[in-house]
Amino acid sequence: MKFAANFNVDPIGGVLRGSQGVESAANTATNIDKFVDTISVVLFAVGVVSGLILLGMLITGGIMYMSSQGDEKQLNRAKKQITDALVGFVIVIMSWWAIRILEKIFGIDLLIPKFFGI
């Protein structure tokens, strides 16, 4: 074990820097917490962006639908855009539920982002 401790290996952000015992475990826990916090913030941002895209697609699809003036081609295009937006929304909701299930299994909070240490 002394042979391995002589090397200053740093493959995972300081987890295996040569420290031993409790200090190494604390560093590992801190790195995992930072990783989970980063994933949480990224998932929050993806949720916000997908919501804005949904809103934009529904608004433009509705405007296209109202302004089609009986043109069958534009009417079908507007219906397709609204349908695509709603299908995307269902996919996002199903993904959210899958993440909630993974949270329960692993005991971590991925969908509650911690901004600025709050």
Protein backbone atom coordinates (compact mmCIF):
# COMPACT_ATOMS: atom_id res chain seq x y z
CA MET A 1 0.00 0.00 0.00
CA LYS A 2 2.94 2.36 0.65
CA PHE A 3 4.09 1.86 -2.92
CA ALA A 4 0.75 3.10 -4.31
CA ALA A 5 0.66 6.03 -1.85
CA ASN A 6 3.96 7.36 -3.23
CA PHE A 7 2.32 8.24 -6.54
CA ASN A 8 0.36 11.46 -6.88
CA VAL A 9 -2.31 10.09 -9.22
CA ASP A 10 -5.16 12.45 -10.13
CA PRO A 11 -7.51 10.67 -12.57
CA ILE A 12 -10.84 11.90 -11.15
CA GLY A 13 -10.45 15.46 -9.95
CA GLY A 14 -8.33 14.75 -6.89
CA VAL A 15 -10.12 11.65 -5.62
CA LEU A 16 -6.98 9.50 -5.80
CA ARG A 17 -4.41 12.19 -4.98
CA GLY A 18 -2.60 10.00 -2.49
CA SER A 19 -4.60 11.05 0.56
CA GLN A 20 -5.68 8.24 2.78
CA GLY A 21 -8.57 7.25 4.98
CA VAL A 22 -11.31 9.66 6.01
CA GLU A 23 -9.91 12.60 4.04
CA SER A 24 -10.05 10.61 0.81
CA ALA A 25 -13.63 9.52 1.51
CA ALA A 26 -14.63 13.13 2.26
CA ASN A 27 -13.09 14.31 -1.02
CA THR A 28 -14.94 11.58 -2.89
CA ALA A 29 -18.25 12.56 -1.27
CA THR A 30 -17.64 16.23 -2.10
CA ASN A 31 -16.85 15.40 -5.72
CA ILE A 32 -19.97 13.26 -6.02
CA ASP A 33 -22.08 16.06 -4.50
CA LYS A 34 -20.64 18.54 -6.99
CA PHE A 35 -21.37 16.15 -9.85
CA VAL A 36 -24.97 15.62 -8.69
CA ASP A 37 -25.44 19.39 -8.29
CA THR A 38 -24.12 19.97 -11.81
CA ILE A 39 -26.46 17.34 -13.27
CA SER A 40 -29.33 18.89 -11.32
CA VAL A 41 -28.68 22.36 -12.74
CA VAL A 42 -28.32 20.96 -16.27
CA LEU A 43 -31.63 19.08 -15.96
CA PHE A 44 -33.32 22.25 -14.69
CA ALA A 45 -31.98 24.21 -17.67
CA VAL A 46 -33.12 21.50 -20.09
CA GLY A 47 -36.59 21.64 -18.52
CA VAL A 48 -36.79 25.41 -18.89
CA VAL A 49 -35.57 25.34 -22.50
CA SER A 50 -37.95 22.51 -23.45
CA GLY A 51 -40.85 24.42 -21.89
CA LEU A 52 -39.96 27.54 -23.87
CA ILE A 53 -39.69 25.50 -27.08
CA LEU A 54 -43.09 23.93 -26.37
CA LEU A 55 -44.65 27.34 -25.81
CA GLY A 56 -43.09 28.73 -28.99
CA MET A 57 -44.20 25.77 -31.08
CA LEU A 58 -47.76 25.92 -29.75
CA ILE A 59 -48.01 29.67 -30.37
CA THR A 60 -46.61 29.49 -33.90
CA GLY A 61 -48.73 26.41 -34.67
CA GLY A 62 -51.83 28.24 -33.45
CA ILE A 63 -51.01 31.31 -35.52
CA MET A 64 -50.39 29.11 -38.57
CA TYR A 65 -53.70 27.33 -37.94
CA MET A 66 -55.64 30.58 -37.67
CA SER A 67 -53.98 32.15 -40.70
CA SER A 68 -54.30 29.11 -42.98
CA GLN A 69 -57.56 30.54 -44.42
CA GLY A 70 -58.80 27.16 -45.53
CA ASP A 71 -55.59 26.18 -47.34
CA GLU A 72 -55.42 22.44 -46.70
CA LYS A 73 -51.62 22.26 -46.99
CA GLN A 74 -51.02 25.01 -44.39
CA LEU A 75 -53.75 23.64 -42.14
CA ASN A 76 -52.11 20.20 -42.10
CA ARG A 77 -48.70 21.78 -41.48
CA ALA A 78 -50.09 23.70 -38.49
CA LYS A 79 -51.79 20.59 -37.09
CA LYS A 80 -48.54 18.63 -37.48
CA GLN A 81 -46.58 21.31 -35.61
CA ILE A 82 -49.07 21.36 -32.74
CA THR A 83 -49.08 17.55 -32.61
CA ASP A 84 -45.27 17.43 -32.65
CA ALA A 85 -45.14 19.96 -29.80
CA LEU A 86 -47.53 17.91 -27.69
CA VAL A 87 -45.68 14.65 -28.42
CA GLY A 88 -42.44 16.35 -27.37
CA PHE A 89 -44.14 17.51 -24.17
CA VAL A 90 -45.24 13.95 -23.41
CA ILE A 91 -41.65 12.73 -23.97
CA VAL A 92 -40.31 15.39 -21.58
CA ILE A 93 -42.88 14.44 -18.92
CA MET A 94 -42.06 10.73 -19.30
CA SER A 95 -38.35 11.54 -18.95
CA TRP A 96 -39.11 13.56 -15.83
CA TRP A 97 -40.94 10.59 -14.30
CA ALA A 98 -38.07 8.25 -15.23
CA ILE A 99 -35.64 10.58 -13.45
CA ARG A 100 -37.96 10.67 -10.40
CA ILE A 101 -37.90 6.85 -10.31
CA LEU A 102 -34.08 6.88 -10.49
CA GLU A 103 -34.03 9.43 -7.65
CA LYS A 104 -36.05 7.09 -5.46
CA ILE A 105 -33.86 4.11 -6.34
CA PHE A 106 -30.52 5.86 -5.70
CA GLY A 107 -31.67 8.26 -2.96
CA ILE A 108 -30.45 11.46 -4.63
CA ASP A 109 -32.22 14.68 -5.63
CA LEU A 110 -31.57 15.37 -9.31
CA LEU A 111 -34.60 17.54 -10.05
CA ILE A 112 -34.05 20.02 -7.22
CA PRO A 113 -31.16 22.25 -8.33
CA LYS A 114 -29.00 24.02 -5.76
CA PHE A 115 -28.11 27.46 -7.03
CA PHE A 116 -25.25 29.31 -5.36
CA GLY A 117 -25.10 26.95 -2.40
CA ILE A 118 -28.76 27.38 -1.42
